[in-house]
């Protein structure tokens, strides 16, 4: 009886987040929420520092390290919160690290503003009183392109702690396809990337980043937990007394990276059930061929959808004109009028193609093709896009 209740028709859901998760993962997680491995308690009831919970944390970390081939120079840990929490935690911690390395010197923070989320990150760092230097801002163009690095403002190598990028902009549909090299990024300036919506969707050379972070709820799990992958040398910080003497803000303890790492992500009460779902998702990725396999599938899904939309120029308008920076995760497009868009969404919903409304700030249509969205779902969407265009254009 319980098994039948946990079954569901596979949804064809394209929501941007919280996003679709594999049904078999959710089914196992539901059972584990009631009784985990026969211990008589569910994972939400088990102490976060018990052996059982620590094993969940360690197994999940191990999966991330294997999937992304994380080098020994970097540490993986988890914090409560999401991508927005990362806006402040990154600034606080890396400014402290810069002060440790430079005898209390105050750092500049370089931000590439290529969409809504990087804009919010830069504004939050500025709001907290940090010295923010925006090296590129594509707002005037509607965040519809990422210019060549040669067109960005040069970074002040003598006083900048890091360059911050949002690797994939979920609202606007752009994605970085290549990492800035030394011709633009000075060797002593760390690269920081918010990968909330594309982490584990493609191969990443972690060694090129000082810090990668991402909320779990788009591609890896449930809301409430964030993954951090940090260069170990960036964990060094002055004492609180030294920070005060430098006139720099002390890092809030709930955001303090060294404390989180030292306590193996259990300085405060980590949501173990959420961590477990990430563990199940990452294990499934490993069992299904790892990053190489999922990247191949994601490339195929995105190419199919973009190719279909391009068949109907003037009817479907892809927001990002430059194919070189189009997101594989969030395909954003519009139709010619609000009425046609409303009809598109209504008829798609009737065919059980859900989650396609664009972000409230830009409107239009957005199909998010995260790892758990199958090629079959994309093919169904493509069939509908063809049919709708042939009937309405």
Protein backbone atom coordinates (compact mmCIF):
# COMPACT_ATOMS: atom_id res chain seq x y z
CA UNK A 1 0.00 0.00 0.00
CA UNK A 2 2.73 2.46 1.01
CA UNK A 3 4.68 1.67 -2.12
CA UNK A 4 1.71 2.48 -4.36
CA UNK A 5 1.10 5.78 -2.56
CA UNK A 6 4.71 6.81 -3.26
CA UNK A 7 4.41 6.14 -6.98
CA UNK A 8 3.60 9.01 -9.35
CA UNK A 9 3.33 9.67 -13.04
CA UNK A 10 6.65 11.08 -14.16
CA UNK A 11 6.15 14.89 -14.30
CA UNK A 12 7.29 16.94 -17.29
CA UNK A 13 8.18 19.95 -15.17
CA UNK A 14 10.45 22.78 -16.31
CA UNK A 15 10.33 25.01 -13.22
CA UNK A 16 13.44 27.02 -12.40
CA UNK A 17 13.53 26.15 -8.73
CA UNK A 18 12.77 24.55 -6.47
CA UNK A 19 13.04 22.15 -9.34
CA UNK A 20 12.11 18.63 -10.32
CA UNK A 21 14.02 15.79 -8.67
CA UNK A 22 14.31 12.17 -9.80
CA UNK A 23 11.23 10.23 -8.71
CA UNK A 24 13.23 7.27 -7.46
CA UNK A 25 15.30 9.60 -5.27
CA UNK A 26 12.17 11.16 -3.76
CA UNK A 27 10.64 7.75 -3.18
CA UNK A 28 13.70 6.52 -1.28
CA UNK A 29 13.91 9.80 0.63
CA UNK A 30 10.26 9.53 1.66
CA UNK A 31 10.93 6.11 3.16
CA UNK A 32 14.07 7.37 4.87
CA UNK A 33 12.16 10.27 6.40
CA UNK A 34 10.03 7.72 8.27
CA UNK A 35 12.61 5.05 9.12
CA UNK A 36 16.23 5.39 8.03
CA UNK A 37 18.09 2.11 7.54
CA UNK A 38 15.88 0.37 10.08
CA UNK A 39 17.01 2.44 13.07
CA UNK A 40 13.41 3.26 14.01
CA UNK A 41 13.76 6.99 13.40
CA UNK A 42 13.57 9.13 10.32
CA UNK A 43 16.48 11.23 9.13
CA UNK A 44 14.73 14.43 10.20
CA UNK A 45 14.72 13.15 13.78
CA UNK A 46 18.36 12.08 14.08
CA UNK A 47 20.91 14.31 15.80
CA UNK A 48 23.17 16.11 13.36
CA UNK A 49 26.35 15.02 15.20
CA UNK A 50 25.45 11.34 15.54
CA UNK A 51 27.45 8.75 13.63
CA UNK A 52 24.49 8.20 11.31
CA UNK A 53 24.28 11.88 10.40
CA UNK A 54 28.04 12.27 10.01
CA UNK A 55 28.05 9.33 7.60
CA UNK A 56 25.38 11.09 5.50
CA UNK A 57 27.49 14.26 5.39
CA UNK A 58 30.70 12.41 4.56
CA UNK A 59 29.10 10.26 1.88
CA UNK A 60 27.59 13.34 0.21
CA UNK A 61 30.90 15.20 0.33
CA UNK A 62 32.65 12.16 -1.13
CA UNK A 63 30.18 12.04 -4.02
CA UNK A 64 30.73 15.72 -4.84
CA UNK A 65 34.49 15.27 -4.75
CA UNK A 66 34.31 12.29 -7.09
CA UNK A 67 31.86 13.86 -9.53
CA UNK A 68 33.80 17.12 -9.84
CA UNK A 69 37.26 15.60 -9.37
CA UNK A 70 37.89 18.05 -6.54
CA UNK A 71 41.66 18.35 -5.94
CA UNK A 72 43.26 17.97 -2.51
CA UNK A 73 43.84 21.73 -2.49
CA UNK A 74 40.10 22.28 -2.00
CA UNK A 75 37.57 21.50 0.74
CA UNK A 76 33.87 20.68 0.37
CA UNK A 77 31.40 21.74 3.05
CA UNK A 78 27.74 22.66 3.50
CA UNK A 79 25.95 25.63 5.08
CA UNK A 80 22.32 26.36 5.77
CA UNK A 81 20.72 28.83 3.38
CA UNK A 82 20.85 29.31 -0.36
CA UNK A 83 22.51 31.35 -3.05
CA UNK A 84 21.44 34.64 -1.48
CA UNK A 85 23.16 33.67 1.77
CA UNK A 86 26.26 33.18 -0.33
CA UNK A 87 26.23 36.84 -1.39
CA UNK A 88 27.22 37.91 2.11
CA UNK A 89 29.13 34.84 3.28
CA UNK A 90 31.53 35.04 0.33
CA UNK A 91 32.28 38.72 0.86
CA UNK A 92 32.75 38.48 4.63
CA UNK A 93 35.03 35.44 4.53
CA UNK A 94 37.22 36.33 1.57
CA UNK A 95 37.75 39.90 2.75
CA UNK A 96 38.92 38.40 6.05
CA UNK A 97 41.25 36.03 4.23
CA UNK A 98 42.68 38.90 2.17
CA UNK A 99 43.33 40.86 5.36
CA UNK A 100 45.17 37.85 6.83
CA UNK A 101 47.43 37.63 3.79
CA UNK A 102 48.03 41.39 3.48
CA UNK A 103 48.51 42.58 7.08
CA UNK A 104 45.05 44.03 7.51
CA UNK A 105 44.75 45.66 4.10
CA UNK A 106 41.19 46.28 2.91
CA UNK A 107 40.33 44.55 -0.33
CA UNK A 108 38.45 45.54 -3.44
CA UNK A 109 35.91 43.04 -4.72
CA UNK A 110 35.44 42.71 -8.49
CA UNK A 111 31.99 41.71 -9.77
CA UNK A 112 30.86 40.76 -13.25
CA UNK A 113 27.22 41.80 -13.50
CA UNK A 114 25.80 39.68 -16.31
CA UNK A 115 22.28 39.07 -14.98
CA UNK A 116 19.85 39.49 -12.14
CA UNK A 117 21.67 37.26 -9.66
CA UNK A 118 25.14 38.71 -10.10
CA UNK A 119 23.56 42.17 -9.86
CA UNK A 120 22.02 41.21 -6.52
CA UNK A 121 25.32 39.78 -5.33
CA UNK A 122 27.23 42.97 -6.16
CA UNK A 123 24.58 45.15 -4.52
CA UNK A 124 24.60 43.05 -1.36
CA UNK A 125 28.38 43.28 -1.03
CA UNK A 126 28.13 47.04 -1.51
CA UNK A 127 25.25 47.29 0.98
CA UNK A 128 27.42 45.57 3.58
CA UNK A 129 30.04 48.28 3.13
CA UNK A 130 32.61 46.48 0.99
CA UNK A 131 34.49 48.21 -1.84
CA UNK A 132 32.82 46.78 -4.97
CA UNK A 133 34.31 47.28 -8.42
CA UNK A 134 31.91 46.30 -11.24
CA UNK A 135 34.13 45.19 -14.12
CA UNK A 136 31.32 44.52 -16.59
CA UNK A 137 27.60 45.33 -16.50
CA UNK A 138 25.29 44.11 -19.25
CA UNK A 139 22.06 45.51 -17.81
CA UNK A 140 21.72 48.09 -20.59
CA UNK A 141 21.51 45.25 -23.10
CA UNK A 142 18.92 43.43 -21.03
CA UNK A 143 21.50 40.95 -19.73
CA UNK A 144 21.25 39.20 -23.09
CA UNK A 145 24.97 38.66 -23.74
CA UNK A 146 28.32 38.15 -22.01
CA UNK A 147 30.98 40.31 -23.70
CA UNK A 148 34.47 39.05 -24.42
CA UNK A 149 36.86 39.42 -21.48
CA UNK A 150 38.88 41.86 -23.56
CA UNK A 151 35.94 44.27 -23.26
CA UNK A 152 35.79 44.09 -19.46
CA UNK A 153 37.30 46.72 -17.19
CA UNK A 154 40.80 45.65 -16.05
CA UNK A 155 41.06 44.27 -12.53
CA UNK A 156 43.25 46.09 -10.01
CA UNK A 157 45.68 43.26 -9.29
CA UNK A 158 47.28 45.03 -6.31
CA UNK A 159 44.16 45.37 -4.17
CA UNK A 160 41.46 42.95 -5.39
CA UNK A 161 40.59 39.82 -3.44
CA UNK A 162 38.39 38.08 -5.98
CA UNK A 163 36.42 38.23 -9.21
CA UNK A 164 32.82 37.14 -8.71
CA UNK A 165 30.75 35.64 -11.53
CA UNK A 166 27.35 33.99 -11.64
CA UNK A 167 28.15 31.03 -13.86
CA UNK A 168 24.56 30.59 -15.03
CA UNK A 169 21.91 33.30 -14.84
CA UNK A 170 18.57 31.55 -14.31
CA UNK A 171 16.42 34.62 -14.99
CA UNK A 172 18.16 35.86 -18.12
CA UNK A 173 19.42 32.64 -19.71
CA UNK A 174 23.17 33.27 -20.07
CA UNK A 175 25.96 30.91 -19.06
CA UNK A 176 29.74 31.19 -18.91
CA UNK A 177 31.24 28.58 -21.23
CA UNK A 178 34.88 29.35 -20.45
CA UNK A 179 36.83 30.55 -17.44
CA UNK A 180 38.75 33.85 -17.64
CA UNK A 181 42.43 33.07 -18.19
CA UNK A 182 45.51 34.89 -16.98
CA UNK A 183 45.31 37.36 -19.86
CA UNK A 184 42.41 38.90 -17.94
CA UNK A 185 42.38 37.49 -14.41
CA UNK A 186 45.54 38.31 -12.39
CA UNK A 187 47.13 35.24 -10.82
CA UNK A 188 46.74 36.55 -7.27
CA UNK A 189 43.00 37.32 -7.67
CA UNK A 190 40.72 34.42 -6.81
CA UNK A 191 37.86 33.38 -9.08
CA UNK A 192 34.54 32.95 -7.25
CA UNK A 193 31.51 31.43 -8.98
CA UNK A 194 27.89 31.12 -7.98
CA UNK A 195 26.90 27.82 -9.65
CA UNK A 196 23.51 27.48 -7.99
CA UNK A 197 21.75 26.53 -11.20
CA UNK A 198 24.39 24.61 -13.15
CA UNK A 199 26.50 22.80 -10.58
CA UNK A 200 26.94 19.12 -11.55
CA UNK A 201 25.51 19.80 -15.01
CA UNK A 202 28.90 19.91 -16.74
CA UNK A 203 32.61 19.33 -16.27
CA UNK A 204 34.37 22.01 -14.20
CA UNK A 205 38.09 22.44 -13.55
CA UNK A 206 37.80 23.14 -9.83
CA UNK A 207 41.51 23.96 -9.57
CA UNK A 208 40.88 27.23 -11.46
CA UNK A 209 38.48 28.50 -8.77
CA UNK A 210 39.13 29.88 -5.35
CA UNK A 211 35.52 29.22 -4.42
CA UNK A 212 32.48 27.60 -6.00
CA UNK A 213 29.14 27.64 -4.26
CA UNK A 214 25.54 26.85 -5.07
CA UNK A 215 22.13 26.43 -3.52
CA UNK A 216 20.92 22.84 -3.73
CA UNK A 217 17.35 23.44 -4.85
CA UNK A 218 17.83 23.80 -8.60
CA UNK A 219 19.98 20.87 -9.68
CA UNK A 220 20.93 18.81 -6.65
CA UNK A 221 18.28 18.71 -3.94
CA UNK A 222 15.86 20.64 -1.76
CA UNK A 223 16.00 24.26 -0.64
CA UNK A 224 17.79 25.01 2.63
CA UNK A 225 21.36 23.89 2.01
CA UNK A 226 24.28 25.30 0.02
CA UNK A 227 27.37 23.52 -1.29
CA UNK A 228 30.74 25.26 -0.95
CA UNK A 229 33.96 24.12 -2.59
CA UNK A 230 36.81 26.31 -1.39
CA UNK A 231 40.55 26.46 -1.79
CA UNK A 232 41.93 25.48 1.63
CA UNK A 233 44.32 28.45 1.73
CA UNK A 234 41.28 30.76 1.66
CA UNK A 235 40.14 29.46 5.04
CA UNK A 236 42.86 31.34 6.91
CA UNK A 237 41.54 34.40 8.77
CA UNK A 238 42.68 36.91 11.39
CA UNK A 239 41.32 36.67 14.91
CA UNK A 240 38.22 38.67 15.78
CA UNK A 241 40.41 41.08 17.75
CA UNK A 242 42.69 41.58 14.74
CA UNK A 243 39.71 42.13 12.44
CA UNK A 244 38.40 44.82 14.78
CA UNK A 245 41.80 46.50 14.87
CA UNK A 246 41.82 46.58 11.05
CA UNK A 247 38.42 48.25 11.02
CA UNK A 248 36.94 45.26 9.18
CA UNK A 249 33.66 43.49 9.97
CA UNK A 250 33.85 40.25 11.91
CA UNK A 251 32.31 37.33 10.03
CA UNK A 252 28.96 36.24 11.55
CA UNK A 253 29.52 32.84 13.11
CA UNK A 254 26.72 31.18 11.13
CA UNK A 255 28.58 32.19 7.95
CA UNK A 256 32.12 31.57 9.21
CA UNK A 257 33.76 29.18 6.76
CA UNK A 258 36.63 28.02 9.03
CA UNK A 259 34.17 27.07 11.79
CA UNK A 260 31.95 25.20 9.33
CA UNK A 261 34.89 23.23 7.93
CA UNK A 262 36.38 22.48 11.35
CA UNK A 263 33.01 21.12 12.53
CA UNK A 264 32.49 19.11 9.32
CA UNK A 265 29.44 21.24 8.41
CA UNK A 266 27.83 20.64 11.83
CA UNK A 267 28.73 23.85 13.70
CA UNK A 268 24.98 24.41 13.90
CA UNK A 269 22.11 22.07 13.04
CA UNK A 270 22.57 21.09 9.42
CA UNK A 271 19.35 19.86 7.72
CA UNK A 272 20.46 16.25 7.45
CA UNK A 273 17.43 15.15 5.45
CA UNK A 274 18.22 17.76 2.79
CA UNK A 275 21.85 16.64 2.79
CA UNK A 276 20.71 13.04 2.37
CA UNK A 277 18.69 13.93 -0.73
CA UNK A 278 21.82 15.54 -2.19
CA UNK A 279 23.62 12.32 -1.37
CA UNK A 280 21.01 10.26 -3.20
CA UNK A 281 21.07 12.58 -6.21
CA UNK A 282 24.86 12.56 -6.46
CA UNK A 283 25.01 8.77 -6.06
CA UNK A 284 22.50 8.41 -8.89
CA UNK A 285 24.68 10.65 -11.07
CA UNK A 286 27.72 8.50 -10.31
CA UNK A 287 25.82 5.28 -11.01
CA UNK A 288 24.62 6.68 -14.34
CA UNK A 289 28.06 7.56 -15.68
CA UNK A 290 29.05 10.70 -13.78
CA UNK A 291 29.55 14.20 -15.14
CA UNK A 292 30.54 13.10 -18.64
CA UNK A 293 27.22 11.32 -19.12
CA UNK A 294 25.02 14.05 -17.67
CA UNK A 295 26.85 16.79 -19.59
CA UNK A 296 26.30 14.90 -22.85
CA UNK A 297 22.59 14.58 -22.09
CA UNK A 298 22.30 18.25 -21.07
CA UNK A 299 24.00 19.36 -24.29
CA UNK A 300 21.60 17.22 -26.31
CA UNK A 301 18.52 18.57 -24.51
CA UNK A 302 19.53 22.21 -24.91
CA UNK A 303 20.61 21.83 -28.55
CA UNK A 304 17.29 20.20 -29.45
CA UNK A 305 15.24 22.93 -27.79
CA UNK A 306 17.23 25.86 -29.20
CA UNK A 307 17.21 24.31 -32.70
CA UNK A 308 13.44 23.96 -32.55
CA UNK A 309 12.89 27.56 -31.43
CA UNK A 310 15.19 28.81 -34.19
CA UNK A 311 12.92 27.19 -36.81
CA UNK A 312 10.34 29.90 -36.12
CA UNK A 313 12.18 33.26 -36.13
CA UNK A 314 9.90 36.17 -35.33
CA UNK A 315 7.43 33.88 -33.60
CA UNK A 316 9.68 32.50 -30.89
CA UNK A 317 12.26 35.08 -29.85
CA UNK A 318 15.23 33.61 -27.98
CA UNK A 319 16.31 36.15 -25.39
CA UNK A 320 20.03 35.39 -25.75
CA UNK A 321 20.97 35.95 -29.39
CA UNK A 322 24.59 34.83 -29.05
CA UNK A 323 24.67 31.00 -29.09
CA UNK A 324 28.10 31.03 -27.44
CA UNK A 325 26.67 32.19 -24.11
CA UNK A 326 23.23 30.58 -24.13
CA UNK A 327 22.41 28.68 -20.98
CA UNK A 328 22.01 24.93 -21.19
CA UNK A 329 19.97 25.03 -17.99
CA UNK A 330 17.51 27.90 -18.55
CA UNK A 331 16.18 28.50 -22.05
CA UNK A 332 14.42 31.88 -22.06
CA UNK A 333 12.25 33.09 -24.93
CA UNK A 334 9.23 35.25 -25.70
CA UNK A 335 6.34 35.26 -28.13
CA UNK A 336 4.88 38.21 -30.01
CA UNK A 337 2.22 39.22 -27.52
CA UNK A 338 1.09 38.64 -23.94
CA UNK A 339 -2.10 37.00 -25.17
CA UNK A 340 -0.19 34.47 -27.27
CA UNK A 341 2.17 33.75 -24.36
CA UNK A 342 -0.75 33.17 -22.01
CA UNK A 343 -2.29 30.79 -24.53
CA UNK A 344 1.07 29.00 -24.90
CA UNK A 345 1.32 28.46 -21.14
CA UNK A 346 -2.32 27.39 -20.83
CA UNK A 347 -2.14 24.85 -23.65
CA UNK A 348 1.22 23.55 -22.42
CA UNK A 349 -0.29 23.00 -18.99
CA UNK A 350 -3.16 21.06 -20.55
CA UNK A 351 -0.53 18.71 -21.97
CA UNK A 352 1.06 18.46 -18.49
CA UNK A 353 4.08 20.52 -19.51
CA UNK A 354 4.45 22.69 -16.40
CA UNK A 355 6.72 25.31 -14.85
CA UNK A 356 7.24 27.23 -18.09
CA UNK A 357 6.35 30.78 -17.02
CA UNK A 358 9.28 33.20 -17.15
CA UNK A 359 10.60 34.96 -14.07
CA UNK A 360 8.26 37.69 -12.84
CA UNK A 361 10.90 40.36 -13.52
CA UNK A 362 11.17 39.60 -17.26
CA UNK A 363 8.08 37.60 -18.17
CA UNK A 364 8.05 35.42 -21.27
CA UNK A 365 8.71 31.70 -21.24
CA UNK A 366 11.50 29.83 -19.45
CA UNK A 367 12.21 26.13 -19.83
CA UNK A 368 14.67 24.95 -17.20
CA UNK A 369 16.47 21.79 -18.29
CA UNK A 370 18.11 20.68 -15.07
CA UNK A 371 19.65 17.24 -14.69
CA UNK A 372 16.41 15.59 -13.56
CA UNK A 373 14.51 16.81 -16.65
CA UNK A 374 14.61 13.89 -19.05
CA UNK A 375 15.27 13.96 -22.78
CA UNK A 376 11.77 12.51 -23.17
CA UNK A 377 10.29 15.56 -21.43
CA UNK A 378 12.24 17.88 -23.72
CA UNK A 379 11.03 15.99 -26.79
CA UNK A 380 7.43 16.39 -25.61
CA UNK A 381 8.02 20.11 -25.15
CA UNK A 382 9.58 20.36 -28.60
CA UNK A 383 6.57 18.61 -30.14
CA UNK A 384 4.28 21.11 -28.47
CA UNK A 385 6.42 24.08 -29.58
CA UNK A 386 6.20 22.87 -33.17
CA UNK A 387 2.46 22.31 -33.00
CA UNK A 388 1.77 25.65 -31.35
CA UNK A 389 3.82 27.57 -33.90
CA UNK A 390 2.22 25.84 -36.87
CA UNK A 391 -1.22 26.63 -35.50
CA UNK A 392 -0.63 30.22 -34.44
CA UNK A 393 2.02 31.93 -36.49
